[in-house]
Amino acid sequence: MATNQSTWQDDAIVISDNLAIPTSELQFRFTTGGGPGGQHVNKTATRVTIQFDIAGSRVLDEETRARLLDTLANRLDRQGVLQISVQDSRSQWQNRQLAIARLQALLRDALIENPERRPTKPGKAAKEKRLAEKRKQSAVKESRRRRWDEPG
């Protein structure tokens, strides 16, 4: 059984303790990249683009899918597909590893639940400090006004 689990882990990208995405749900596209490398860049497909169809994923439950679609809305296309492109390195393998790491971090961060903010009111000391600052500023402006308004 341990062999199957390790094989499954090798064939999946672990996002959290209870979520791993099988590589079969990801599409890898390799294209020529820009940047340093001279002729090498023009000949080899080193840019890596990972596509993950969040809307159509079979491993995500409805709650997780809704959370990802909402949190990553500005990063998704109209079909609900997340794309991550990396061309940092001359090596396709390194770019692939970087793209996977970015995908993991992005999904992990998107799944973190932020606690709901409880609205609070400023305390008595904070109110007094703000009013004292306003009085001080008012006095400064008042002193400027008198100096320039005096005849002479």
N, C-alpha and C. Protein backbone atom coordinates (compact mmCIF):
# COMPACT_ATOMS: atom_id res chain seq x y z
N MET A 1 0.82 -1.19 0.00
CA MET A 1 0.00 0.00 0.00
C MET A 1 0.86 1.26 0.00
N ALA A 2 1.97 1.24 0.71
CA ALA A 2 2.84 2.41 0.75
C ALA A 2 3.38 2.71 -0.64
N THR A 3 3.59 1.68 -1.44
CA THR A 3 4.09 1.88 -2.80
C THR A 3 3.07 2.64 -3.64
N ASN A 4 1.78 2.26 -3.53
CA ASN A 4 0.75 2.95 -4.29
C ASN A 4 0.65 4.41 -3.89
N GLN A 5 0.72 4.68 -2.58
CA GLN A 5 0.59 6.05 -2.12
C GLN A 5 1.77 6.89 -2.61
N SER A 6 2.99 6.35 -2.53
CA SER A 6 4.14 7.12 -2.99
C SER A 6 4.07 7.34 -4.50
N THR A 7 3.59 6.34 -5.24
CA THR A 7 3.42 6.51 -6.68
C THR A 7 2.38 7.59 -6.95
N TRP A 8 1.28 7.55 -6.18
CA TRP A 8 0.24 8.55 -6.36
C TRP A 8 0.79 9.94 -6.03
N GLN A 9 1.61 10.04 -4.98
CA GLN A 9 2.19 11.32 -4.60
C GLN A 9 3.16 11.80 -5.68
N ASP A 10 3.88 10.86 -6.32
CA ASP A 10 4.80 11.24 -7.39
C ASP A 10 4.02 11.73 -8.60
N ASP A 11 2.81 11.21 -8.76
CA ASP A 11 2.00 11.54 -9.92
C ASP A 11 1.01 12.66 -9.60
N ALA A 12 1.18 13.33 -8.47
CA ALA A 12 0.27 14.40 -8.07
C ALA A 12 1.08 15.53 -7.44
N ILE A 13 0.49 16.70 -7.47
CA ILE A 13 1.10 17.88 -6.86
C ILE A 13 0.37 18.14 -5.56
N VAL A 14 1.09 18.05 -4.46
CA VAL A 14 0.49 18.20 -3.14
C VAL A 14 0.33 19.68 -2.83
N ILE A 15 -0.91 20.07 -2.53
CA ILE A 15 -1.22 21.45 -2.20
C ILE A 15 -1.31 21.62 -0.69
N SER A 16 -2.04 20.74 -0.03
CA SER A 16 -2.17 20.77 1.43
C SER A 16 -2.32 19.34 1.92
N ASP A 17 -2.55 19.19 3.21
CA ASP A 17 -2.69 17.84 3.79
C ASP A 17 -3.85 17.07 3.17
N ASN A 18 -4.91 17.78 2.80
CA ASN A 18 -6.08 17.08 2.28
C ASN A 18 -6.36 17.37 0.81
N LEU A 19 -5.40 17.94 0.09
CA LEU A 19 -5.61 18.21 -1.33
C LEU A 19 -4.32 17.97 -2.12
N ALA A 20 -4.45 17.12 -3.12
CA ALA A 20 -3.37 16.88 -4.07
C ALA A 20 -4.00 16.83 -5.45
N ILE A 21 -3.35 17.48 -6.40
CA ILE A 21 -3.88 17.54 -7.76
C ILE A 21 -3.09 16.57 -8.63
N PRO A 22 -3.77 15.59 -9.24
CA PRO A 22 -3.07 14.67 -10.13
C PRO A 22 -2.53 15.43 -11.35
N THR A 23 -1.37 15.03 -11.81
CA THR A 23 -0.79 15.69 -12.97
C THR A 23 -1.64 15.50 -14.22
N SER A 24 -2.53 14.52 -14.21
CA SER A 24 -3.43 14.32 -15.35
C SER A 24 -4.42 15.48 -15.48
N GLU A 25 -4.64 16.24 -14.42
CA GLU A 25 -5.54 17.39 -14.47
C GLU A 25 -4.84 18.66 -14.92
N LEU A 26 -3.53 18.59 -15.08
CA LEU A 26 -2.76 19.75 -15.51
C LEU A 26 -2.35 19.59 -16.97
N GLN A 27 -2.29 20.71 -17.67
CA GLN A 27 -1.77 20.70 -19.03
C GLN A 27 -0.49 21.52 -19.03
N PHE A 28 0.57 20.93 -19.55
CA PHE A 28 1.84 21.63 -19.67
C PHE A 28 2.04 21.99 -21.13
N ARG A 29 2.38 23.26 -21.38
CA ARG A 29 2.67 23.72 -22.72
C ARG A 29 4.07 24.31 -22.72
N PHE A 30 4.85 23.98 -23.73
CA PHE A 30 6.22 24.45 -23.81
C PHE A 30 6.38 25.27 -25.08
N THR A 31 6.86 26.50 -24.91
CA THR A 31 7.07 27.40 -26.05
C THR A 31 8.43 28.06 -25.93
N THR A 32 8.84 28.72 -27.01
CA THR A 32 10.12 29.42 -26.95
C THR A 32 9.95 30.64 -26.05
N GLY A 33 10.93 30.89 -25.23
CA GLY A 33 10.87 31.99 -24.28
C GLY A 33 11.75 33.13 -24.72
N GLY A 34 11.61 34.24 -24.03
CA GLY A 34 12.47 35.39 -24.30
C GLY A 34 13.60 35.44 -23.31
N GLY A 35 14.22 36.58 -23.22
CA GLY A 35 15.27 36.76 -22.22
C GLY A 35 16.63 36.30 -22.70
N PRO A 36 17.58 36.13 -21.76
CA PRO A 36 18.95 35.80 -22.13
C PRO A 36 19.05 34.40 -22.72
N GLY A 37 20.05 34.18 -23.52
CA GLY A 37 20.28 32.85 -24.07
C GLY A 37 20.66 32.87 -25.53
N GLY A 38 20.54 34.00 -26.17
CA GLY A 38 20.95 34.11 -27.57
C GLY A 38 20.16 33.17 -28.47
N GLN A 39 20.87 32.48 -29.37
CA GLN A 39 20.22 31.60 -30.33
C GLN A 39 19.53 30.43 -29.63
N HIS A 40 20.06 30.02 -28.49
CA HIS A 40 19.48 28.91 -27.73
C HIS A 40 18.00 29.18 -27.45
N VAL A 41 17.68 30.43 -27.07
CA VAL A 41 16.30 30.80 -26.75
C VAL A 41 15.40 30.65 -27.97
N ASN A 42 15.93 30.98 -29.13
CA ASN A 42 15.13 30.92 -30.35
C ASN A 42 14.88 29.50 -30.82
N LYS A 43 15.72 28.56 -30.41
CA LYS A 43 15.62 27.18 -30.90
C LYS A 43 14.89 26.24 -29.96
N THR A 44 14.91 26.52 -28.68
CA THR A 44 14.38 25.55 -27.71
C THR A 44 13.14 26.07 -27.01
N ALA A 45 12.26 25.17 -26.68
CA ALA A 45 11.01 25.52 -26.00
C ALA A 45 11.23 25.43 -24.50
N THR A 46 11.68 26.53 -23.90
CA THR A 46 11.98 26.50 -22.48
C THR A 46 10.90 27.16 -21.62
N ARG A 47 10.06 28.01 -22.21
CA ARG A 47 8.98 28.61 -21.43
C ARG A 47 7.95 27.54 -21.13
N VAL A 48 7.53 27.48 -19.86
CA VAL A 48 6.56 26.48 -19.43
C VAL A 48 5.28 27.21 -19.02
N THR A 49 4.14 26.74 -19.52
CA THR A 49 2.84 27.26 -19.12
C THR A 49 2.03 26.09 -18.58
N ILE A 50 1.60 26.22 -17.33
CA ILE A 50 0.74 25.21 -16.71
C ILE A 50 -0.69 25.74 -16.78
N GLN A 51 -1.59 24.88 -17.20
CA GLN A 51 -3.01 25.21 -17.20
C GLN A 51 -3.73 24.24 -16.27
N PHE A 52 -4.52 24.80 -15.34
CA PHE A 52 -5.30 23.99 -14.42
C PHE A 52 -6.75 24.45 -14.50
N ASP A 53 -7.61 23.56 -14.93
CA ASP A 53 -9.03 23.86 -15.09
C ASP A 53 -9.73 23.70 -13.74
N ILE A 54 -9.82 24.81 -13.02
CA ILE A 54 -10.44 24.77 -11.68
C ILE A 54 -11.93 24.46 -11.80
N ALA A 55 -12.59 25.08 -12.77
CA ALA A 55 -14.04 24.89 -12.91
C ALA A 55 -14.39 23.45 -13.27
N GLY A 56 -13.53 22.77 -14.03
CA GLY A 56 -13.84 21.41 -14.46
C GLY A 56 -13.08 20.32 -13.74
N SER A 57 -12.38 20.67 -12.66
CA SER A 57 -11.57 19.68 -11.95
C SER A 57 -12.44 18.63 -11.26
N ARG A 58 -11.99 17.38 -11.32
CA ARG A 58 -12.73 16.29 -10.69
C ARG A 58 -12.29 16.06 -9.24
N VAL A 59 -11.12 16.56 -8.86
CA VAL A 59 -10.62 16.29 -7.51
C VAL A 59 -11.07 17.34 -6.49
N LEU A 60 -11.60 18.47 -6.95
CA LEU A 60 -12.01 19.52 -6.03
C LEU A 60 -13.47 19.32 -5.62
N ASP A 61 -13.74 19.44 -4.32
CA ASP A 61 -15.13 19.43 -3.90
C ASP A 61 -15.73 20.81 -4.18
N GLU A 62 -17.05 20.92 -4.07
CA GLU A 62 -17.73 22.16 -4.45
C GLU A 62 -17.27 23.36 -3.62
N GLU A 63 -17.05 23.14 -2.33
CA GLU A 63 -16.63 24.24 -1.46
C GLU A 63 -15.25 24.76 -1.85
N THR A 64 -14.32 23.84 -2.08
CA THR A 64 -12.96 24.22 -2.48
C THR A 64 -12.97 24.90 -3.84
N ARG A 65 -13.73 24.34 -4.78
CA ARG A 65 -13.82 24.92 -6.13
C ARG A 65 -14.35 26.35 -6.05
N ALA A 66 -15.43 26.55 -5.29
CA ALA A 66 -16.02 27.89 -5.17
C ALA A 66 -15.03 28.87 -4.55
N ARG A 67 -14.31 28.41 -3.54
CA ARG A 67 -13.32 29.27 -2.88
C ARG A 67 -12.21 29.68 -3.85
N LEU A 68 -11.70 28.72 -4.63
CA LEU A 68 -10.64 29.01 -5.59
C LEU A 68 -11.14 29.93 -6.70
N LEU A 69 -12.33 29.66 -7.21
CA LEU A 69 -12.88 30.49 -8.28
C LEU A 69 -13.08 31.92 -7.80
N ASP A 70 -13.50 32.08 -6.56
CA ASP A 70 -13.72 33.41 -6.02
C ASP A 70 -12.40 34.12 -5.73
N THR A 71 -11.48 33.43 -5.06
CA THR A 71 -10.22 34.06 -4.66
C THR A 71 -9.31 34.36 -5.85
N LEU A 72 -9.29 33.48 -6.83
CA LEU A 72 -8.40 33.64 -7.98
C LEU A 72 -9.11 34.20 -9.21
N ALA A 73 -10.25 34.84 -9.02
CA ALA A 73 -11.07 35.30 -10.15
C ALA A 73 -10.28 36.18 -11.13
N ASN A 74 -9.40 37.02 -10.63
CA ASN A 74 -8.65 37.91 -11.52
C ASN A 74 -7.51 37.20 -12.25
N ARG A 75 -7.23 35.96 -11.91
CA ARG A 75 -6.17 35.19 -12.56
C ARG A 75 -6.72 34.14 -13.53
N LEU A 76 -8.04 33.99 -13.60
CA LEU A 76 -8.66 32.94 -14.40
C LEU A 76 -9.20 33.50 -15.71
N ASP A 77 -9.28 32.64 -16.73
CA ASP A 77 -9.95 33.04 -17.97
C ASP A 77 -11.45 32.78 -17.83
N ARG A 78 -12.21 33.02 -18.88
CA ARG A 78 -13.67 32.90 -18.81
C ARG A 78 -14.15 31.48 -18.52
N GLN A 79 -13.33 30.49 -18.86
CA GLN A 79 -13.71 29.10 -18.64
C GLN A 79 -13.31 28.59 -17.25
N GLY A 80 -12.65 29.43 -16.46
CA GLY A 80 -12.23 29.03 -15.12
C GLY A 80 -10.91 28.28 -15.12
N VAL A 81 -10.04 28.60 -16.09
CA VAL A 81 -8.74 27.94 -16.21
C VAL A 81 -7.66 28.89 -15.70
N LEU A 82 -6.84 28.38 -14.80
CA LEU A 82 -5.70 29.13 -14.26
C LEU A 82 -4.48 28.82 -15.10
N GLN A 83 -3.76 29.87 -15.52
CA GLN A 83 -2.53 29.68 -16.30
C GLN A 83 -1.37 30.33 -15.58
N ILE A 84 -0.28 29.58 -15.50
CA ILE A 84 0.96 30.10 -14.91
C ILE A 84 2.08 29.87 -15.90
N SER A 85 2.76 30.94 -16.31
CA SER A 85 3.87 30.83 -17.25
C SER A 85 5.17 31.20 -16.56
N VAL A 86 6.21 30.45 -16.85
CA VAL A 86 7.53 30.70 -16.27
C VAL A 86 8.57 30.60 -17.38
N GLN A 87 9.44 31.61 -17.45
CA GLN A 87 10.55 31.59 -18.40
C GLN A 87 11.81 32.16 -17.75
N ASP A 88 11.95 31.91 -16.44
CA ASP A 88 13.06 32.48 -15.68
C ASP A 88 14.41 31.86 -16.03
N SER A 89 14.41 30.61 -16.43
CA SER A 89 15.65 29.88 -16.63
C SER A 89 15.80 29.48 -18.10
N ARG A 90 17.00 29.08 -18.48
CA ARG A 90 17.23 28.53 -19.82
C ARG A 90 16.82 27.07 -19.89
N SER A 91 16.61 26.48 -18.72
CA SER A 91 16.30 25.06 -18.65
C SER A 91 14.79 24.84 -18.56
N GLN A 92 14.26 24.02 -19.45
CA GLN A 92 12.84 23.69 -19.42
C GLN A 92 12.50 22.98 -18.11
N TRP A 93 13.37 22.10 -17.64
CA TRP A 93 13.12 21.36 -16.42
C TRP A 93 13.02 22.30 -15.22
N GLN A 94 13.95 23.27 -15.13
CA GLN A 94 13.91 24.22 -14.02
C GLN A 94 12.65 25.08 -14.09
N ASN A 95 12.29 25.52 -15.28
CA ASN A 95 11.07 26.32 -15.43
C ASN A 95 9.84 25.52 -15.05
N ARG A 96 9.84 24.24 -15.37
CA ARG A 96 8.71 23.37 -15.00
C ARG A 96 8.62 23.26 -13.47
N GLN A 97 9.75 23.07 -12.81
CA GLN A 97 9.76 22.99 -11.34
C GLN A 97 9.28 24.31 -10.71
N LEU A 98 9.73 25.44 -11.28
CA LEU A 98 9.31 26.74 -10.77
C LEU A 98 7.80 26.95 -10.96
N ALA A 99 7.29 26.54 -12.11
CA ALA A 99 5.86 26.69 -12.40
C ALA A 99 5.03 25.85 -11.42
N ILE A 100 5.48 24.64 -11.15
CA ILE A 100 4.76 23.78 -10.20
C ILE A 100 4.79 24.40 -8.80
N ALA A 101 5.95 24.92 -8.41
CA ALA A 101 6.06 25.54 -7.09
C ALA A 101 5.15 26.77 -6.98
N ARG A 102 5.07 27.56 -8.05
CA ARG A 102 4.19 28.74 -8.04
C ARG A 102 2.72 28.34 -7.98
N LEU A 103 2.38 27.27 -8.70
CA LEU A 103 1.01 26.76 -8.66
C LEU A 103 0.65 26.31 -7.25
N GLN A 104 1.56 25.56 -6.62
CA GLN A 104 1.32 25.09 -5.25
C GLN A 104 1.12 26.27 -4.30
N ALA A 105 2.01 27.26 -4.37
CA ALA A 105 1.93 28.40 -3.47
C ALA A 105 0.65 29.20 -3.71
N LEU A 106 0.30 29.40 -4.97
CA LEU A 106 -0.89 30.18 -5.30
C LEU A 106 -2.15 29.50 -4.78
N LEU A 107 -2.27 28.20 -5.02
CA LEU A 107 -3.45 27.48 -4.55
C LEU A 107 -3.49 27.38 -3.03
N ARG A 108 -2.32 27.15 -2.42
CA ARG A 108 -2.25 27.06 -0.95
C ARG A 108 -2.69 28.38 -0.32
N ASP A 109 -2.20 29.50 -0.86
CA ASP A 109 -2.57 30.80 -0.32
C ASP A 109 -4.05 31.10 -0.54
N ALA A 110 -4.58 30.67 -1.68
CA ALA A 110 -5.99 30.93 -1.98
C ALA A 110 -6.93 30.15 -1.07
N LEU A 111 -6.45 29.03 -0.54
CA LEU A 111 -7.30 28.19 0.30
C LEU A 111 -7.27 28.57 1.77
N ILE A 112 -6.38 29.49 2.14
CA ILE A 112 -6.31 29.93 3.54
C ILE A 112 -7.53 30.79 3.84
N GLU A 113 -8.24 30.44 4.90
CA GLU A 113 -9.42 31.20 5.29
C GLU A 113 -9.01 32.34 6.21
N ASN A 114 -9.31 33.55 5.79
CA ASN A 114 -9.04 34.70 6.64
C ASN A 114 -10.19 34.88 7.61
N PRO A 115 -9.89 35.11 8.88
CA PRO A 115 -10.97 35.30 9.84
C PRO A 115 -11.76 36.56 9.51
N GLU A 116 -13.06 36.52 9.76
CA GLU A 116 -13.90 37.67 9.48
C GLU A 116 -13.57 38.79 10.45
N ARG A 117 -13.44 39.99 9.93
CA ARG A 117 -13.07 41.13 10.76
C ARG A 117 -14.26 41.57 11.59
N ARG A 118 -14.00 41.76 12.87
CA ARG A 118 -15.03 42.29 13.76
C ARG A 118 -14.84 43.80 13.83
N PRO A 119 -15.84 44.56 13.45
CA PRO A 119 -15.69 46.02 13.50
C PRO A 119 -15.53 46.49 14.94
N THR A 120 -14.61 47.39 15.15
CA THR A 120 -14.37 47.93 16.50
C THR A 120 -14.45 49.45 16.45
N LYS A 121 -14.63 50.04 17.61
CA LYS A 121 -14.68 51.49 17.71
C LYS A 121 -13.38 51.96 18.36
N PRO A 122 -12.94 53.17 18.01
CA PRO A 122 -11.73 53.68 18.66
C PRO A 122 -11.98 53.91 20.15
N GLY A 123 -10.94 53.68 20.94
CA GLY A 123 -11.06 53.86 22.38
C GLY A 123 -11.04 55.32 22.78
N LYS A 124 -11.26 55.55 24.07
CA LYS A 124 -11.33 56.92 24.59
C LYS A 124 -10.00 57.65 24.40
N ALA A 125 -8.89 56.95 24.67
CA ALA A 125 -7.57 57.57 24.54
C ALA A 125 -7.28 57.93 23.08
N ALA A 126 -7.69 57.07 22.15
CA ALA A 126 -7.45 57.33 20.74
C ALA A 126 -8.25 58.55 20.28
N LYS A 127 -9.49 58.66 20.75
CA LYS A 127 -10.31 59.83 20.39
C LYS A 127 -9.67 61.11 20.91
N GLU A 128 -9.23 61.07 22.18
CA GLU A 128 -8.62 62.26 22.79
C GLU A 128 -7.34 62.65 22.06
N LYS A 129 -6.54 61.65 21.69
CA LYS A 129 -5.30 61.91 20.97
C LYS A 129 -5.59 62.57 19.62
N ARG A 130 -6.61 62.07 18.91
CA ARG A 130 -6.98 62.64 17.61
C ARG A 130 -7.44 64.08 17.78
N LEU A 131 -8.27 64.35 18.80
CA LEU A 131 -8.76 65.71 19.01
C LEU A 131 -7.64 66.65 19.43
N ALA A 132 -6.69 66.14 20.26
CA ALA A 132 -5.55 66.97 20.67
C ALA A 132 -4.70 67.33 19.46
N GLU A 133 -4.53 66.37 18.56
CA GLU A 133 -3.76 66.63 17.34
C GLU A 133 -4.46 67.67 16.47
N LYS A 134 -5.78 67.60 16.40
CA LYS A 134 -6.55 68.59 15.63
C LYS A 134 -6.40 69.98 16.25
N ARG A 135 -6.46 70.04 17.59
CA ARG A 135 -6.31 71.35 18.27
C ARG A 135 -4.92 71.93 18.01
N LYS A 136 -3.93 71.06 18.04
CA LYS A 136 -2.55 71.51 17.81
C LYS A 136 -2.41 72.05 16.38
N GLN A 137 -2.94 71.33 15.41
CA GLN A 137 -2.86 71.75 14.01
C GLN A 137 -3.62 73.05 13.80
N SER A 138 -4.77 73.17 14.46
CA SER A 138 -5.57 74.38 14.37
C SER A 138 -4.80 75.59 14.92
N ALA A 139 -4.11 75.38 16.06
CA ALA A 139 -3.33 76.45 16.67
C ALA A 139 -2.20 76.89 15.74
N VAL A 140 -1.56 75.92 15.08
CA VAL A 140 -0.47 76.25 14.15
C VAL A 140 -1.00 77.12 13.02
N LYS A 141 -2.12 76.72 12.45
CA LYS A 141 -2.70 77.48 11.34
C LYS A 141 -3.18 78.85 11.81
N GLU A 142 -3.74 78.89 13.03
CA GLU A 142 -4.20 80.17 13.58
C GLU A 142 -3.03 81.12 13.76
N SER A 143 -1.90 80.61 14.25
CA SER A 143 -0.73 81.49 14.45
C SER A 143 -0.19 82.00 13.12
N ARG A 144 -0.27 81.23 12.10
CA ARG A 144 0.16 81.69 10.77
C ARG A 144 -0.77 82.79 10.27
N ARG A 145 -2.05 82.61 10.50
CA ARG A 145 -3.03 83.56 10.01
C ARG A 145 -2.82 84.92 10.67
N ARG A 146 -2.64 84.95 11.97
CA ARG A 146 -2.47 86.21 12.68
C ARG A 146 -1.22 86.95 12.20
N ARG A 147 -0.15 86.23 12.01
CA ARG A 147 1.11 86.84 11.62
C ARG A 147 0.98 87.53 10.26
N TRP A 148 0.26 86.96 9.35
CA TRP A 148 0.18 87.51 8.01
C TRP A 148 -0.97 88.55 7.91
N ASP A 149 -1.92 88.50 8.81
CA ASP A 149 -3.05 89.43 8.75
C ASP A 149 -2.76 90.78 9.44
N GLU A 150 -1.71 90.80 10.25
CA GLU A 150 -1.43 92.04 10.98
C GLU A 150 -1.06 93.15 10.02
N PRO A 151 -1.61 94.33 10.26
CA PRO A 151 -1.24 95.45 9.38
C PRO A 151 0.20 95.88 9.64
N GLY A 152 0.85 96.27 8.62
CA GLY A 152 2.14 96.80 8.90
C GLY A 152 3.12 96.57 7.92
